[in-house]
Amino acid sequence: MRSLDTIDLKIISILQDEGRISNVDLASRVGISAPPCLRRVRALEDAGYISGYHANVNAQKLGYGVTVFAMVGLHSQAEIDLQAFESRVAAWPEVRECHMLNGEIDFILKCVAPDLASFQTFLTRELTPAPNVSHVRTSLTIRQSKQAFGVPVHQKITD
């Protein structure tokens, strides 16, 4: 795909905040007609700039009252061992995000659970005894003060 122009960036910014906006409303907001807007959205999807759409659900209402960040150290950082760990993590529904880090911690996992006892069961039966895991440190969240999805596209528009 060609380089992104201001309209493409506006489309991405709006869809990032309002994924259910109609194509007609999106086109109006970015200042073009609906057919070329839809073509641009499809092109952005095909090029991988937009990788999907999701609903932002309320974890508390769905019974997930606990969010924990787990910092995981591995015995081996050989690529095959990293991939094996990532594959194992992908199968755990409690883990909502997994990031490989540079430094003394190899991975940070964002985990959710109905309660502390459920998280402790996951920690002691799945995560800590997993192959290649050398240590796990956890931090229980107290509250969330910000949740922003995607990236600050609006800054690129004004640059």
C-alpha atoms as a PDB file:
ATOM      1  CA  MET A   1       0.000   0.000   0.000  1.00  0.00           C
ATOM      2  CA  ARG A   2       1.109   3.542  -0.656  1.00  0.00           C
ATOM      3  CA  SER A   3       2.146   5.683   2.290  1.00  0.00           C
ATOM      4  CA  LEU A   4      -0.652   6.796   4.560  1.00  0.00           C
ATOM      5  CA  ASP A   5      -2.148  10.215   4.000  1.00  0.00           C
ATOM      6  CA  THR A   6      -4.120  12.393   6.421  1.00  0.00           C
ATOM      7  CA  ILE A   7      -7.435  10.795   5.443  1.00  0.00           C
ATOM      8  CA  ASP A   8      -6.070   7.290   6.079  1.00  0.00           C
ATOM      9  CA  LEU A   9      -4.801   8.400   9.494  1.00  0.00           C
ATOM     10  CA  LYS A  10      -8.163   9.986  10.335  1.00  0.00           C
ATOM     11  CA  ILE A  11      -9.940   6.767   9.320  1.00  0.00           C
ATOM     12  CA  ILE A  12      -7.648   4.720  11.548  1.00  0.00           C
ATOM     13  CA  SER A  13      -8.021   7.144  14.448  1.00  0.00           C
ATOM     14  CA  ILE A  14     -11.812   7.155  14.280  1.00  0.00           C
ATOM     15  CA  LEU A  15     -12.125   3.381  13.842  1.00  0.00           C
ATOM     16  CA  GLN A  16      -9.749   2.848  16.741  1.00  0.00           C
ATOM     17  CA  ASP A  17     -12.101   4.824  18.997  1.00  0.00           C
ATOM     18  CA  GLU A  18     -15.429   3.919  17.382  1.00  0.00           C
ATOM     19  CA  GLY A  19     -15.144   0.536  15.689  1.00  0.00           C
ATOM     20  CA  ARG A  20     -18.905   0.301  15.096  1.00  0.00           C
ATOM     21  CA  ILE A  21     -19.249   3.600  13.245  1.00  0.00           C
ATOM     22  CA  SER A  22     -21.108   3.236   9.962  1.00  0.00           C
ATOM     23  CA  ASN A  23     -19.188   3.750   6.744  1.00  0.00           C
ATOM     24  CA  VAL A  24     -21.467   6.692   5.880  1.00  0.00           C
ATOM     25  CA  ASP A  25     -20.711   8.430   9.198  1.00  0.00           C
ATOM     26  CA  LEU A  26     -17.006   7.616   8.900  1.00  0.00           C
ATOM     27  CA  ALA A  27     -16.895   9.056   5.387  1.00  0.00           C
ATOM     28  CA  SER A  28     -18.640  12.211   6.556  1.00  0.00           C
ATOM     29  CA  ARG A  29     -16.201  12.649   9.456  1.00  0.00           C
ATOM     30  CA  VAL A  30     -13.130  12.309   7.224  1.00  0.00           C
ATOM     31  CA  GLY A  31     -14.583  14.460   4.451  1.00  0.00           C
ATOM     32  CA  ILE A  32     -15.004  11.987   1.582  1.00  0.00           C
ATOM     33  CA  SER A  33     -17.950  10.091   0.109  1.00  0.00           C
ATOM     34  CA  ALA A  34     -18.888   6.594   1.284  1.00  0.00           C
ATOM     35  CA  PRO A  35     -17.608   4.429  -1.623  1.00  0.00           C
ATOM     36  CA  PRO A  36     -14.001   5.688  -1.555  1.00  0.00           C
ATOM     37  CA  CYS A  37     -14.081   5.572   2.251  1.00  0.00           C
ATOM     38  CA  LEU A  38     -15.041   1.906   2.178  1.00  0.00           C
ATOM     39  CA  ARG A  39     -12.289   1.221  -0.379  1.00  0.00           C
ATOM     40  CA  ARG A  40      -9.766   2.920   1.879  1.00  0.00           C
ATOM     41  CA  VAL A  41     -10.924   0.942   4.934  1.00  0.00           C
ATOM     42  CA  ARG A  42     -10.634  -2.332   2.996  1.00  0.00           C
ATOM     43  CA  ALA A  43      -7.184  -1.327   1.713  1.00  0.00           C
ATOM     44  CA  LEU A  44      -6.079  -0.476   5.280  1.00  0.00           C
ATOM     45  CA  GLU A  45      -7.345  -3.875   6.438  1.00  0.00           C
ATOM     46  CA  ASP A  46      -5.675  -5.713   3.548  1.00  0.00           C
ATOM     47  CA  ALA A  47      -2.371  -3.932   4.210  1.00  0.00           C
ATOM     48  CA  GLY A  48      -2.502  -4.882   7.899  1.00  0.00           C
ATOM     49  CA  TYR A  49      -2.901  -1.371   9.338  1.00  0.00           C
ATOM     50  CA  ILE A  50      -6.259  -2.481  10.753  1.00  0.00           C
ATOM     51  CA  SER A  51      -5.937  -5.983  12.106  1.00  0.00           C
ATOM     52  CA  GLY A  52      -9.397  -6.506  13.572  1.00  0.00           C
ATOM     53  CA  TYR A  53     -12.350  -5.168  15.519  1.00  0.00           C
ATOM     54  CA  HIS A  54     -13.495  -6.037  19.013  1.00  0.00           C
ATOM     55  CA  ALA A  55     -15.964  -5.121  21.727  1.00  0.00           C
ATOM     56  CA  ASN A  56     -14.602  -3.541  24.878  1.00  0.00           C
ATOM     57  CA  VAL A  57     -16.282  -5.647  27.546  1.00  0.00           C
ATOM     58  CA  ASN A  58     -16.692  -4.981  31.262  1.00  0.00           C
ATOM     59  CA  ALA A  59     -14.551  -7.605  33.009  1.00  0.00           C
ATOM     60  CA  GLN A  60     -16.188  -6.974  36.404  1.00  0.00           C
ATOM     61  CA  LYS A  61     -19.705  -7.548  35.062  1.00  0.00           C
ATOM     62  CA  LEU A  62     -18.532 -10.766  33.401  1.00  0.00           C
ATOM     63  CA  GLY A  63     -17.185 -12.043  36.716  1.00  0.00           C
ATOM     64  CA  TYR A  64     -13.473 -11.262  36.316  1.00  0.00           C
ATOM     65  CA  GLY A  65     -12.779  -9.119  39.372  1.00  0.00           C
ATOM     66  CA  VAL A  66      -9.035  -9.669  39.543  1.00  0.00           C
ATOM     67  CA  THR A  67      -6.330  -8.447  37.174  1.00  0.00           C
ATOM     68  CA  VAL A  68      -2.749  -9.483  37.844  1.00  0.00           C
ATOM     69  CA  PHE A  69       0.489  -8.773  36.041  1.00  0.00           C
ATOM     70  CA  ALA A  70       2.897 -11.700  36.152  1.00  0.00           C
ATOM     71  CA  MET A  71       6.581 -11.114  35.443  1.00  0.00           C
ATOM     72  CA  VAL A  72       8.088 -14.362  34.226  1.00  0.00           C
ATOM     73  CA  GLY A  73      11.739 -15.345  34.054  1.00  0.00           C
ATOM     74  CA  LEU A  74      12.820 -18.351  31.998  1.00  0.00           C
ATOM     75  CA  HIS A  75      15.766 -20.697  32.426  1.00  0.00           C
ATOM     76  CA  SER A  76      16.574 -20.532  28.713  1.00  0.00           C
ATOM     77  CA  GLN A  77      16.068 -17.753  26.201  1.00  0.00           C
ATOM     78  CA  ALA A  78      16.904 -19.887  23.183  1.00  0.00           C
ATOM     79  CA  GLU A  79      14.428 -19.117  20.404  1.00  0.00           C
ATOM     80  CA  ILE A  80      12.895 -22.600  20.480  1.00  0.00           C
ATOM     81  CA  ASP A  81      12.282 -22.248  24.234  1.00  0.00           C
ATOM     82  CA  LEU A  82      10.790 -18.770  23.843  1.00  0.00           C
ATOM     83  CA  GLN A  83       8.428 -20.046  21.165  1.00  0.00           C
ATOM     84  CA  ALA A  84       7.439 -23.028  23.304  1.00  0.00           C
ATOM     85  CA  PHE A  85       6.585 -20.706  26.189  1.00  0.00           C
ATOM     86  CA  GLU A  86       4.611 -18.377  23.905  1.00  0.00           C
ATOM     87  CA  SER A  87       2.658 -21.336  22.531  1.00  0.00           C
ATOM     88  CA  ARG A  88       1.801 -22.479  26.037  1.00  0.00           C
ATOM     89  CA  VAL A  89       0.713 -18.959  27.017  1.00  0.00           C
ATOM     90  CA  ALA A  90      -1.513 -18.719  23.927  1.00  0.00           C
ATOM     91  CA  ALA A  91      -3.522 -21.676  25.242  1.00  0.00           C
ATOM     92  CA  TRP A  92      -4.217 -20.107  28.660  1.00  0.00           C
ATOM     93  CA  PRO A  93      -7.459 -18.096  28.560  1.00  0.00           C
ATOM     94  CA  GLU A  94      -6.543 -16.305  31.807  1.00  0.00           C
ATOM     95  CA  VAL A  95      -3.645 -14.603  30.023  1.00  0.00           C
ATOM     96  CA  ARG A  96      -5.032 -11.667  28.044  1.00  0.00           C
ATOM     97  CA  GLU A  97      -1.713 -10.131  26.974  1.00  0.00           C
ATOM     98  CA  CYS A  98       1.836 -11.433  26.712  1.00  0.00           C
ATOM     99  CA  HIS A  99       4.838  -9.225  26.028  1.00  0.00           C
ATOM    100  CA  MET A 100       8.451 -10.341  25.713  1.00  0.00           C
ATOM    101  CA  LEU A 101      10.733  -7.890  27.492  1.00  0.00           C
ATOM    102  CA  ASN A 102      14.354  -6.875  27.383  1.00  0.00           C
ATOM    103  CA  GLY A 103      16.075  -7.041  30.753  1.00  0.00           C
ATOM    104  CA  GLU A 104      15.911  -9.289  33.774  1.00  0.00           C
ATOM    105  CA  ILE A 105      12.276 -10.253  33.157  1.00  0.00           C
ATOM    106  CA  ASP A 106      11.608 -12.284  30.019  1.00  0.00           C
ATOM    107  CA  PHE A 107       7.816 -11.883  29.755  1.00  0.00           C
ATOM    108  CA  ILE A 108       5.063  -9.878  31.357  1.00  0.00           C
ATOM    109  CA  LEU A 109       1.589 -11.399  31.295  1.00  0.00           C
ATOM    110  CA  LYS A 110      -1.678  -9.604  31.935  1.00  0.00           C
ATOM    111  CA  CYS A 111      -3.965 -12.139  33.587  1.00  0.00           C
ATOM    112  CA  VAL A 112      -7.592 -12.022  34.669  1.00  0.00           C
ATOM    113  CA  ALA A 113      -9.451 -14.258  37.100  1.00  0.00           C
ATOM    114  CA  PRO A 114     -12.775 -14.295  38.935  1.00  0.00           C
ATOM    115  CA  ASP A 115     -11.023 -13.982  42.297  1.00  0.00           C
ATOM    116  CA  LEU A 116      -7.648 -14.365  44.007  1.00  0.00           C
ATOM    117  CA  ALA A 117      -8.181 -18.051  44.737  1.00  0.00           C
ATOM    118  CA  SER A 118      -8.780 -18.750  41.043  1.00  0.00           C
ATOM    119  CA  PHE A 119      -5.672 -16.815  40.070  1.00  0.00           C
ATOM    120  CA  GLN A 120      -3.626 -18.650  42.690  1.00  0.00           C
ATOM    121  CA  THR A 121      -4.814 -21.973  41.254  1.00  0.00           C
ATOM    122  CA  PHE A 122      -3.726 -20.874  37.767  1.00  0.00           C
ATOM    123  CA  LEU A 123      -0.407 -19.632  39.138  1.00  0.00           C
ATOM    124  CA  THR A 124       0.432 -22.783  41.074  1.00  0.00           C
ATOM    125  CA  ARG A 125      -0.957 -25.396  38.665  1.00  0.00           C
ATOM    126  CA  GLU A 126      -0.167 -23.864  35.264  1.00  0.00           C
ATOM    127  CA  LEU A 127       2.233 -20.943  35.180  1.00  0.00           C
ATOM    128  CA  THR A 128       4.862 -21.638  37.838  1.00  0.00           C
ATOM    129  CA  PRO A 129       5.339 -25.351  36.992  1.00  0.00           C
ATOM    130  CA  ALA A 130       5.375 -24.733  33.225  1.00  0.00           C
ATOM    131  CA  PRO A 131       8.486 -26.034  31.450  1.00  0.00           C
ATOM    132  CA  ASN A 132      11.421 -23.589  31.391  1.00  0.00           C
ATOM    133  CA  VAL A 133       9.864 -21.168  33.931  1.00  0.00           C
ATOM    134  CA  SER A 134      12.483 -20.229  36.506  1.00  0.00           C
ATOM    135  CA  HIS A 135      10.542 -17.662  38.518  1.00  0.00           C
ATOM    136  CA  VAL A 136       7.304 -15.672  38.550  1.00  0.00           C
ATOM    137  CA  ARG A 137       6.638 -12.403  40.348  1.00  0.00           C
ATOM    138  CA  THR A 138       3.091 -11.093  40.461  1.00  0.00           C
ATOM    139  CA  SER A 139       1.496  -7.724  41.072  1.00  0.00           C
ATOM    140  CA  LEU A 140      -2.214  -7.449  41.789  1.00  0.00           C
ATOM    141  CA  THR A 141      -3.845  -4.355  40.318  1.00  0.00           C
ATOM    142  CA  ILE A 142      -5.674  -2.042  42.713  1.00  0.00           C
ATOM    143  CA  ARG A 143      -7.527  -0.015  40.091  1.00  0.00           C
ATOM    144  CA  GLN A 144      -7.287   0.980  36.463  1.00  0.00           C
ATOM    145  CA  SER A 145      -7.055   4.693  35.777  1.00  0.00           C
ATOM    146  CA  LYS A 146      -6.528   4.579  32.017  1.00  0.00           C
ATOM    147  CA  GLN A 147      -7.255   2.201  29.186  1.00  0.00           C
ATOM    148  CA  ALA A 148      -6.396   3.359  25.697  1.00  0.00           C
ATOM    149  CA  PHE A 149      -6.499   1.015  22.734  1.00  0.00           C
ATOM    150  CA  GLY A 150      -4.258   1.201  19.720  1.00  0.00           C
ATOM    151  CA  VAL A 151      -1.785   4.035  19.266  1.00  0.00           C
ATOM    152  CA  PRO A 152      -2.055   7.868  19.370  1.00  0.00           C
ATOM    153  CA  VAL A 153      -2.784   8.288  15.650  1.00  0.00           C
ATOM    154  CA  HIS A 154      -4.172  11.798  16.191  1.00  0.00           C
ATOM    155  CA  GLN A 155      -0.622  13.012  16.946  1.00  0.00           C
ATOM    156  CA  LYS A 156       0.534  11.929  13.475  1.00  0.00           C
ATOM    157  CA  ILE A 157      -2.349  13.843  11.889  1.00  0.00           C
ATOM    158  CA  THR A 158      -1.314  17.127  13.520  1.00  0.00           C
ATOM    159  CA  ASP A 159       2.446  16.718  12.887  1.00  0.00           C
END
